PDB file of N, CA and C in Angstrom:
ATOM      1  N   MET A   1       6.577 -16.769  39.319  1.00  0.00           N
ATOM      2  CA  MET A   1       6.207 -16.685  41.080  1.00  0.00           C
ATOM      3  C   MET A   1       5.811 -14.874  41.203  1.00  0.00           C
ATOM      4  N   PHE A   2       6.790 -14.203  41.163  1.00  0.00           N
ATOM      5  CA  PHE A   2       6.330 -12.386  41.624  1.00  0.00           C
ATOM      6  C   PHE A   2       5.084 -12.369  41.328  1.00  0.00           C
ATOM      7  N   ALA A   3       4.844 -12.740  39.869  1.00  0.00           N
ATOM      8  CA  ALA A   3       3.401 -11.942  39.481  1.00  0.00           C
ATOM      9  C   ALA A   3       2.262 -12.537  40.488  1.00  0.00           C
ATOM     10  N   VAL A   4       2.230 -13.977  40.997  1.00  0.00           N
ATOM     11  CA  VAL A   4       1.376 -14.474  41.434  1.00  0.00           C
ATOM     12  C   VAL A   4       1.741 -14.155  43.158  1.00  0.00           C
ATOM     13  N   VAL A   5       2.271 -13.739  43.466  1.00  0.00           N
ATOM     14  CA  VAL A   5       2.192 -12.385  44.896  1.00  0.00           C
ATOM     15  C   VAL A   5       1.599 -11.512  45.038  1.00  0.00           C
ATOM     16  N   VAL A   6       2.638 -10.621  43.624  1.00  0.00           N
ATOM     17  CA  VAL A   6       1.993 -10.040  43.469  1.00  0.00           C
ATOM     18  C   VAL A   6      -0.236  -9.254  43.335  1.00  0.00           C
ATOM     19  N   ALA A   7      -0.158 -10.277  42.402  1.00  0.00           N
ATOM     20  CA  ALA A   7      -2.003 -10.531  42.581  1.00  0.00           C
ATOM     21  C   ALA A   7      -2.550 -10.593  43.825  1.00  0.00           C
ATOM     22  N   TRP A   8      -2.003 -12.027  44.599  1.00  0.00           N
ATOM     23  CA  TRP A   8      -2.403 -11.868  46.338  1.00  0.00           C
ATOM     24  C   TRP A   8      -2.460 -11.507  46.907  1.00  0.00           C
ATOM     25  N   LEU A   9      -1.844 -10.083  46.938  1.00  0.00           N
ATOM     26  CA  LEU A   9      -1.277  -9.049  47.370  1.00  0.00           C
ATOM     27  C   LEU A   9      -2.863  -7.665  47.133  1.00  0.00           C
ATOM     28  N   ALA A  10      -2.634  -8.090  45.146  1.00  0.00           N
ATOM     29  CA  ALA A  10      -3.456  -6.980  46.088  1.00  0.00           C
ATOM     30  C   ALA A  10      -4.792  -7.388  45.504  1.00  0.00           C
ATOM     31  N   LEU A  11      -5.240  -9.185  45.849  1.00  0.00           N
ATOM     32  CA  LEU A  11      -6.826  -9.426  45.856  1.00  0.00           C
ATOM     33  C   LEU A  11      -6.864  -9.298  47.644  1.00  0.00           C
ATOM     34  N   VAL A  12      -5.793  -8.769  48.238  1.00  0.00           N
ATOM     35  CA  VAL A  12      -6.343  -8.605  50.040  1.00  0.00           C
ATOM     36  C   VAL A  12      -6.485  -7.282  49.796  1.00  0.00           C
ATOM     37  N   ALA A  13      -5.600  -7.047  49.511  1.00  0.00           N
ATOM     38  CA  ALA A  13      -5.950  -4.805  49.158  1.00  0.00           C
ATOM     39  C   ALA A  13      -7.407  -4.848  49.099  1.00  0.00           C
ATOM     40  N   VAL A  14      -7.743  -5.264  47.472  1.00  0.00           N
ATOM     41  CA  VAL A  14      -9.440  -4.800  47.379  1.00  0.00           C
ATOM     42  C   VAL A  14     -10.020  -5.466  47.830  1.00  0.00           C
ATOM     43  N   THR A  15      -9.572  -6.573  48.829  1.00  0.00           N
ATOM     44  CA  THR A  15     -10.806  -7.118  49.967  1.00  0.00           C
ATOM     45  C   THR A  15     -10.900  -6.440  51.207  1.00  0.00           C
ATOM     46  N   VAL A  16      -9.689  -6.168  51.794  1.00  0.00           N
ATOM     47  CA  VAL A  16      -9.911  -4.693  52.518  1.00  0.00           C
ATOM     48  C   VAL A  16     -10.641  -3.014  52.219  1.00  0.00           C
ATOM     49  N   ALA A  17     -10.321  -3.208  51.663  1.00  0.00           N
ATOM     50  CA  ALA A  17     -10.781  -1.924  50.685  1.00  0.00           C
ATOM     51  C   ALA A  17     -12.547  -2.207  50.331  1.00  0.00           C
ATOM     52  N   ALA A  18     -12.698  -2.986  50.392  1.00  0.00           N
ATOM     53  CA  ALA A  18     -14.192  -3.068  49.797  1.00  0.00           C
ATOM     54  C   ALA A  18     -14.860  -3.387  51.349  1.00  0.00           C
ATOM     55  N   VAL A  19     -14.232  -4.010  52.174  1.00  0.00           N
ATOM     56  CA  VAL A  19     -15.054  -4.323  53.930  1.00  0.00           C
ATOM     57  C   VAL A  19     -14.879  -2.603  53.793  1.00  0.00           C
ATOM     58  N   LEU A  20     -14.408  -2.021  54.239  1.00  0.00           N
ATOM     59  CA  LEU A  20     -14.322  -0.342  54.830  1.00  0.00           C
ATOM     60  C   LEU A  20     -15.152   0.159  53.965  1.00  0.00           C
ATOM     61  N   PHE A  21     -15.375   0.341  52.806  1.00  0.00           N
ATOM     62  CA  PHE A  21     -16.519   0.890  51.986  1.00  0.00           C
ATOM     63  C   PHE A  21     -18.031   0.318  52.643  1.00  0.00           C
ATOM     64  N   GLY A  22     -17.538  -0.747  53.161  1.00  0.00           N
ATOM     65  CA  GLY A  22     -18.741  -1.776  53.378  1.00  0.00           C
ATOM     66  C   GLY A  22     -19.294  -0.808  54.605  1.00  0.00           C
ATOM     67  N   GLN A  23     -18.529  -1.252  55.335  1.00  0.00           N
ATOM     68  CA  GLN A  23     -18.326   0.122  56.380  1.00  0.00           C
ATOM     69  C   GLN A  23     -19.519   1.025  56.386  1.00  0.00           C
ATOM     70  N   THR A  24     -19.764   2.101  55.391  1.00  0.00           N
ATOM     71  CA  THR A  24     -19.767   2.859  56.239  1.00  0.00           C
ATOM     72  C   THR A  24     -21.338   2.552  55.733  1.00  0.00           C
ATOM     73  N   ALA A  25     -21.556   1.616  54.798  1.00  0.00           N
ATOM     74  CA  ALA A  25     -23.233   1.266  54.400  1.00  0.00           C
ATOM     75  C   ALA A  25     -24.327   1.076  55.604  1.00  0.00           C
ATOM     76  N   ARG A  26     -23.279   0.490  57.130  1.00  0.00           N
ATOM     77  CA  ARG A  26     -23.625   0.333  58.396  1.00  0.00           C
ATOM     78  C   ARG A  26     -23.714   1.139  58.653  1.00  0.00           C
ATOM     79  N   ALA A  27     -22.784   2.147  58.943  1.00  0.00           N
ATOM     80  CA  ALA A  27     -23.008   3.281  59.390  1.00  0.00           C
ATOM     81  C   ALA A  27     -23.728   4.009  59.425  1.00  0.00           C
ATOM     82  N   GLY A  28     -25.021   4.003  57.975  1.00  0.00           N
ATOM     83  CA  GLY A  28     -25.859   5.008  57.394  1.00  0.00           C
ATOM     84  C   GLY A  28     -27.212   4.753  58.444  1.00  0.00           C
ATOM     85  N   ARG A  29     -28.322   4.818  58.098  1.00  0.00           N
ATOM     86  CA  ARG A  29     -29.648   5.523  59.061  1.00  0.00           C
ATOM     87  C   ARG A  29     -30.048   4.575  59.671  1.00  0.00           C
ATOM     88  N   ARG A  30     -30.229   4.378  60.618  1.00  0.00           N
ATOM     89  CA  ARG A  30     -31.031   3.597  61.987  1.00  0.00           C
ATOM     90  C   ARG A  30     -32.272   3.038  61.250  1.00  0.00           C
ATOM     91  N   GLY A  31     -33.398   2.144  62.056  1.00  0.00           N
ATOM     92  CA  GLY A  31     -34.363   2.175  62.240  1.00  0.00           C
ATOM     93  C   GLY A  31     -34.790   0.509  61.477  1.00  0.00           C
ATOM     94  N   ARG A  32     -35.736   0.209  60.902  1.00  0.00           N
ATOM     95  CA  ARG A  32     -36.658  -0.933  60.940  1.00  0.00           C
ATOM     96  C   ARG A  32     -35.228  -1.148  59.420  1.00  0.00           C
ATOM     97  N   ARG A  33     -35.402  -2.630  59.037  1.00  0.00           N
ATOM     98  CA  ARG A  33     -34.499  -2.172  57.485  1.00  0.00           C
ATOM     99  C   ARG A  33     -35.791  -3.639  57.074  1.00  0.00           C
ATOM    100  N   SER A  34     -35.632  -3.117  56.049  1.00  0.00           N
ATOM    101  CA  SER A  34     -35.900  -4.346  54.440  1.00  0.00           C
ATOM    102  C   SER A  34     -35.037  -5.674  54.401  1.00  0.00           C
ATOM    103  N   GLY A  35     -35.655  -6.406  53.575  1.00  0.00           N
ATOM    104  CA  GLY A  35     -34.635  -7.201  53.574  1.00  0.00           C
ATOM    105  C   GLY A  35     -33.925  -7.073  52.535  1.00  0.00           C
ATOM    106  N   ARG A  36     -34.125  -6.669  51.558  1.00  0.00           N
ATOM    107  CA  ARG A  36     -33.014  -5.941  50.341  1.00  0.00           C
ATOM    108  C   ARG A  36     -31.975  -5.205  50.903  1.00  0.00           C
ATOM    109  N   ARG A  37     -32.537  -4.891  51.903  1.00  0.00           N
ATOM    110  CA  ARG A  37     -30.943  -3.873  52.523  1.00  0.00           C
ATOM    111  C   ARG A  37     -30.231  -4.539  53.905  1.00  0.00           C
ATOM    112  N   ARG A  38     -31.114  -5.304  53.502  1.00  0.00           N
ATOM    113  CA  ARG A  38     -30.213  -6.848  55.472  1.00  0.00           C
ATOM    114  C   ARG A  38     -29.163  -7.322  54.483  1.00  0.00           C
ATOM    115  N   LEU A  39     -29.942  -7.830  53.046  1.00  0.00           N
ATOM    116  CA  LEU A  39     -28.392  -8.569  52.219  1.00  0.00           C
ATOM    117  C   LEU A  39     -27.929  -7.839  51.531  1.00  0.00           C
ATOM    118  N   GLY A  40     -27.899  -6.972  50.997  1.00  0.00           N
ATOM    119  CA  GLY A  40     -26.557  -5.131  51.077  1.00  0.00           C
ATOM    120  C   GLY A  40     -25.796  -5.347  51.923  1.00  0.00           C
ATOM    121  N   LEU A  41     -26.573  -5.519  53.192  1.00  0.00           N
ATOM    122  CA  LEU A  41     -25.390  -5.105  54.001  1.00  0.00           C
ATOM    123  C   LEU A  41     -24.442  -6.515  54.049  1.00  0.00           C
ATOM    124  N   LEU A  42     -25.286  -7.470  55.049  1.00  0.00           N
ATOM    125  CA  LEU A  42     -24.137  -9.039  54.225  1.00  0.00           C
ATOM    126  C   LEU A  42     -23.210  -9.079  53.376  1.00  0.00           C
ATOM    127  N   LEU A  43     -23.978  -8.604  51.844  1.00  0.00           N
ATOM    128  CA  LEU A  43     -22.636  -8.475  50.987  1.00  0.00           C
ATOM    129  C   LEU A  43     -21.475  -7.650  51.188  1.00  0.00           C
ATOM    130  N   SER A  44     -22.067  -6.559  51.648  1.00  0.00           N
ATOM    131  CA  SER A  44     -20.814  -5.387  51.869  1.00  0.00           C
ATOM    132  C   SER A  44     -20.410  -5.898  52.927  1.00  0.00           C
ATOM    133  N   LEU A  45     -20.136  -6.494  54.262  1.00  0.00           N
ATOM    134  CA  LEU A  45     -19.679  -7.186  54.597  1.00  0.00           C
ATOM    135  C   LEU A  45     -18.939  -8.022  55.274  1.00  0.00           C
ATOM    136  N   SER A  46     -19.808  -9.059  54.439  1.00  0.00           N
ATOM    137  CA  SER A  46     -18.840 -10.286  54.899  1.00  0.00           C
ATOM    138  C   SER A  46     -18.343 -10.942  53.321  1.00  0.00           C
ATOM    139  N   GLY A  47     -19.262 -10.468  52.583  1.00  0.00           N
ATOM    140  CA  GLY A  47     -19.285 -11.045  51.192  1.00  0.00           C
ATOM    141  C   GLY A  47     -17.713 -10.701  50.659  1.00  0.00           C
ATOM    142  N   PRO A  48     -17.384  -9.660  50.379  1.00  0.00           N
ATOM    143  CA  PRO A  48     -15.832  -9.795  50.163  1.00  0.00           C
ATOM    144  C   PRO A  48     -14.587 -10.187  50.848  1.00  0.00           C
ATOM    145  N   TRP A  49     -14.941 -11.184  52.453  1.00  0.00           N
ATOM    146  CA  TRP A  49     -13.868 -11.829  52.837  1.00  0.00           C
ATOM    147  C   TRP A  49     -14.432 -13.648  52.300  1.00  0.00           C
ATOM    148  N   LEU A  50     -16.082 -13.591  52.104  1.00  0.00           N
ATOM    149  CA  LEU A  50     -16.048 -14.812  51.702  1.00  0.00           C
ATOM    150  C   LEU A  50     -15.492 -15.480  50.137  1.00  0.00           C
ATOM    151  N   VAL A  51     -15.262 -13.870  49.452  1.00  0.00           N
ATOM    152  CA  VAL A  51     -14.887 -14.205  47.764  1.00  0.00           C
ATOM    153  C   VAL A  51     -13.292 -14.771  48.028  1.00  0.00           C
ATOM    154  N   LEU A  52     -12.701 -13.546  49.179  1.00  0.00           N
ATOM    155  CA  LEU A  52     -11.135 -14.559  48.984  1.00  0.00           C
ATOM    156  C   LEU A  52     -11.000 -15.580  49.983  1.00  0.00           C
ATOM    157  N   LEU A  53     -11.860 -16.484  50.853  1.00  0.00           N
ATOM    158  CA  LEU A  53     -12.024 -17.432  50.561  1.00  0.00           C
ATOM    159  C   LEU A  53     -11.919 -18.300  49.395  1.00  0.00           C
ATOM    160  N   ALA A  54     -13.459 -18.199  49.029  1.00  0.00           N
ATOM    161  CA  ALA A  54     -13.701 -18.586  47.661  1.00  0.00           C
ATOM    162  C   ALA A  54     -12.444 -19.072  46.295  1.00  0.00           C
ATOM    163  N   ALA A  55     -11.470 -17.951  46.352  1.00  0.00           N
ATOM    164  CA  ALA A  55     -10.486 -17.482  45.709  1.00  0.00           C
ATOM    165  C   ALA A  55      -9.341 -18.698  46.215  1.00  0.00           C
ATOM    166  N   VAL A  56      -8.807 -18.754  47.481  1.00  0.00           N
ATOM    167  CA  VAL A  56      -7.848 -19.737  47.748  1.00  0.00           C
ATOM    168  C   VAL A  56      -8.052 -20.531  47.314  1.00  0.00           C
ATOM    169  N   GLY A  57      -9.780 -21.050  48.243  1.00  0.00           N
ATOM    170  CA  GLY A  57      -9.998 -22.795  47.901  1.00  0.00           C
ATOM    171  C   GLY A  57     -10.006 -23.233  46.463  1.00  0.00           C
ATOM    172  N   ALA A  58     -10.322 -22.472  45.212  1.00  0.00           N
ATOM    173  CA  ALA A  58      -9.987 -22.408  44.058  1.00  0.00           C
ATOM    174  C   ALA A  58      -8.525 -22.738  43.691  1.00  0.00           C
ATOM    175  N   GLY A  59      -7.694 -21.803  43.833  1.00  0.00           N
ATOM    176  CA  GLY A  59      -6.197 -22.058  43.605  1.00  0.00           C
ATOM    177  C   GLY A  59      -5.829 -22.990  43.882  1.00  0.00           C
ATOM    178  N   ALA A  60      -5.826 -23.572  45.553  1.00  0.00           N
ATOM    179  CA  ALA A  60      -5.373 -24.601  45.570  1.00  0.00           C
ATOM    180  C   ALA A  60      -6.095 -25.915  45.500  1.00  0.00           C
ATOM    181  N   LEU A  61      -7.751 -25.665  45.042  1.00  0.00           N
ATOM    182  CA  LEU A  61      -7.629 -27.387  44.118  1.00  0.00           C
ATOM    183  C   LEU A  61      -7.032 -27.430  42.407  1.00  0.00           C
ATOM    184  N   THR A  62      -7.413 -26.185  41.872  1.00  0.00           N
ATOM    185  CA  THR A  62      -7.149 -26.051  40.565  1.00  0.00           C
ATOM    186  C   THR A  62      -5.102 -26.235  40.230  1.00  0.00           C
ATOM    187  N   GLY A  63      -4.581 -24.969  41.096  1.00  0.00           N
ATOM    188  CA  GLY A  63      -3.552 -25.005  41.180  1.00  0.00           C
ATOM    189  C   GLY A  63      -3.027 -23.838  40.026  1.00  0.00           C
ATOM    190  N   ARG A  64      -3.786 -23.436  39.795  1.00  0.00           N
ATOM    191  CA  ARG A  64      -4.094 -22.229  38.922  1.00  0.00           C
ATOM    192  C   ARG A  64      -4.135 -20.717  39.568  1.00  0.00           C
ATOM    193  N   TRP A  65      -2.621 -20.676  40.767  1.00  0.00           N
ATOM    194  CA  TRP A  65      -3.382 -19.106  41.178  1.00  0.00           C
ATOM    195  C   TRP A  65      -2.784 -17.905  40.742  1.00  0.00           C
ATOM    196  N   LEU A  66      -1.977 -17.594  40.212  1.00  0.00           N
ATOM    197  CA  LEU A  66      -2.403 -17.133  39.311  1.00  0.00           C
ATOM    198  C   LEU A  66      -4.290 -16.141  39.386  1.00  0.00           C
ATOM    199  N   ALA A  67      -4.270 -16.905  37.880  1.00  0.00           N
ATOM    200  CA  ALA A  67      -6.227 -16.990  37.505  1.00  0.00           C
ATOM    201  C   ALA A  67      -7.758 -16.800  38.927  1.00  0.00           C
ATOM    202  N   ALA A  68      -6.852 -17.367  39.463  1.00  0.00           N
ATOM    203  CA  ALA A  68      -7.776 -17.304  40.927  1.00  0.00           C
ATOM    204  C   ALA A  68      -7.637 -16.148  42.053  1.00  0.00           C
ATOM    205  N   ALA A  69      -6.568 -15.632  41.652  1.00  0.00           N
ATOM    206  CA  ALA A  69      -6.286 -14.023  42.396  1.00  0.00           C
ATOM    207  C   ALA A  69      -6.887 -13.336  41.619  1.00  0.00           C
ATOM    208  N   ALA A  70      -6.469 -13.808  40.282  1.00  0.00           N
ATOM    209  CA  ALA A  70      -7.291 -12.708  39.007  1.00  0.00           C
ATOM    210  C   ALA A  70      -8.474 -12.436  38.919  1.00  0.00           C
ATOM    211  N   GLY A  71      -9.306 -13.717  39.305  1.00  0.00           N
ATOM    212  CA  GLY A  71     -11.309 -13.624  39.508  1.00  0.00           C
ATOM    213  C   GLY A  71     -11.957 -13.356  40.751  1.00  0.00           C
ATOM    214  N   GLY A  72     -10.915 -13.325  41.560  1.00  0.00           N
ATOM    215  CA  GLY A  72     -10.543 -13.128  43.273  1.00  0.00           C
ATOM    216  C   GLY A  72     -11.332 -11.682  43.173  1.00  0.00           C
ATOM    217  N   VAL A  73     -10.204 -10.515  42.773  1.00  0.00           N
ATOM    218  CA  VAL A  73     -10.159  -9.810  42.190  1.00  0.00           C
ATOM    219  C   VAL A  73     -11.899  -8.807  41.828  1.00  0.00           C
ATOM    220  N   VAL A  74     -11.865  -9.883  40.655  1.00  0.00           N
ATOM    221  CA  VAL A  74     -13.284  -9.134  39.614  1.00  0.00           C
ATOM    222  C   VAL A  74     -14.519  -9.787  40.683  1.00  0.00           C
ATOM    223  N   ALA A  75     -14.310 -10.892  41.404  1.00  0.00           N
ATOM    224  CA  ALA A  75     -15.685 -11.013  42.202  1.00  0.00           C
ATOM    225  C   ALA A  75     -16.215 -10.101  43.261  1.00  0.00           C
ATOM    226  N   VAL A  76     -14.679  -9.738  43.999  1.00  0.00           N
ATOM    227  CA  VAL A  76     -14.546  -8.795  45.331  1.00  0.00           C
ATOM    228  C   VAL A  76     -15.290  -8.133  44.765  1.00  0.00           C
ATOM    229  N   VAL A  77     -14.806  -6.866  43.849  1.00  0.00           N
ATOM    230  CA  VAL A  77     -15.183  -5.659  43.023  1.00  0.00           C
ATOM    231  C   VAL A  77     -16.855  -5.889  43.002  1.00  0.00           C
ATOM    232  N   VAL A  78     -17.198  -6.598  42.046  1.00  0.00           N
ATOM    233  CA  VAL A  78     -18.641  -6.687  41.807  1.00  0.00           C
ATOM    234  C   VAL A  78     -20.016  -7.382  43.427  1.00  0.00           C
ATOM    235  N   VAL A  79     -19.037  -8.132  44.218  1.00  0.00           N
ATOM    236  CA  VAL A  79     -20.223  -8.180  45.544  1.00  0.00           C
ATOM    237  C   VAL A  79     -20.286  -7.128  45.830  1.00  0.00           C
ATOM    238  N   ALA A  80     -18.672  -6.087  45.963  1.00  0.00           N
ATOM    239  CA  ALA A  80     -18.958  -4.458  47.068  1.00  0.00           C
ATOM    240  C   ALA A  80     -20.153  -3.595  46.409  1.00  0.00           C
ATOM    241  N   LEU A  81     -20.086  -3.847  44.848  1.00  0.00           N
ATOM    242  CA  LEU A  81     -20.794  -2.756  43.551  1.00  0.00           C
ATOM    243  C   LEU A  81     -22.800  -3.261  44.035  1.00  0.00           C
ATOM    244  N   LEU A  82     -22.700  -4.779  44.080  1.00  0.00           N
ATOM    245  CA  LEU A  82     -24.001  -5.367  44.512  1.00  0.00           C
ATOM    246  C   LEU A  82     -24.803  -4.927  45.238  1.00  0.00           C
ATOM    247  N   GLY A  83     -23.572  -4.692  46.895  1.00  0.00           N
ATOM    248  CA  GLY A  83     -24.250  -4.439  47.806  1.00  0.00           C
ATOM    249  C   GLY A  83     -24.421  -3.159  48.077  1.00  0.00           C
ATOM    250  N   LEU A  84     -23.406  -2.410  47.438  1.00  0.00           N
ATOM    251  CA  LEU A  84     -23.656  -0.991  48.129  1.00  0.00           C
ATOM    252  C   LEU A  84     -25.817  -1.163  46.505  1.00  0.00           C
ATOM    253  N   VAL A  85     -25.426  -1.369  46.075  1.00  0.00           N
ATOM    254  CA  VAL A  85     -27.129  -0.908  44.873  1.00  0.00           C
ATOM    255  C   VAL A  85     -27.788  -1.713  45.578  1.00  0.00           C
ATOM    256  N   LEU A  86     -27.548  -3.204  46.708  1.00  0.00           N
ATOM    257  CA  LEU A  86     -28.599  -3.499  47.402  1.00  0.00           C
ATOM    258  C   LEU A  86     -28.664  -2.568  48.888  1.00  0.00           C
ATOM    259  N   ALA A  87     -27.861  -1.966  49.107  1.00  0.00           N
ATOM    260  CA  ALA A  87     -28.498  -1.089  50.532  1.00  0.00           C
ATOM    261  C   ALA A  87     -26.964   0.643  50.283  1.00  0.00           C
ATOM    262  N   PRO A  88     -27.794   1.490  49.660  1.00  0.00           N
ATOM    263  CA  PRO A  88     -27.696   2.107  49.361  1.00  0.00           C
ATOM    264  C   PRO A  88     -27.373   3.420  51.077  1.00  0.00           C
ATOM    265  N   HIS A  89     -26.347   4.584  50.980  1.00  0.00           N
ATOM    266  CA  HIS A  89     -26.886   4.949  51.989  1.00  0.00           C
ATOM    267  C   HIS A  89     -26.981   6.826  51.970  1.00  0.00           C
TER     268      HIS A  89
END
């Protein structure tokens, strides 16, 4: 039980860190944004929260809360990196 709580707290911490990191992409240069850059901003700002919600749903559906939290951490990192690649500043 303790490991599950720690895993979910880690997922929330990684999600908040990814969202704050994504805010720097929004603070970049202004002007016309390409579709690729817009997608990168969407992934950087909303993607981590959507992954968190998906992890909660996966945990609720399967009952495997620890595995859902671990997969959520990996997915948040992947989404944040993908947003960075698509919308570098």
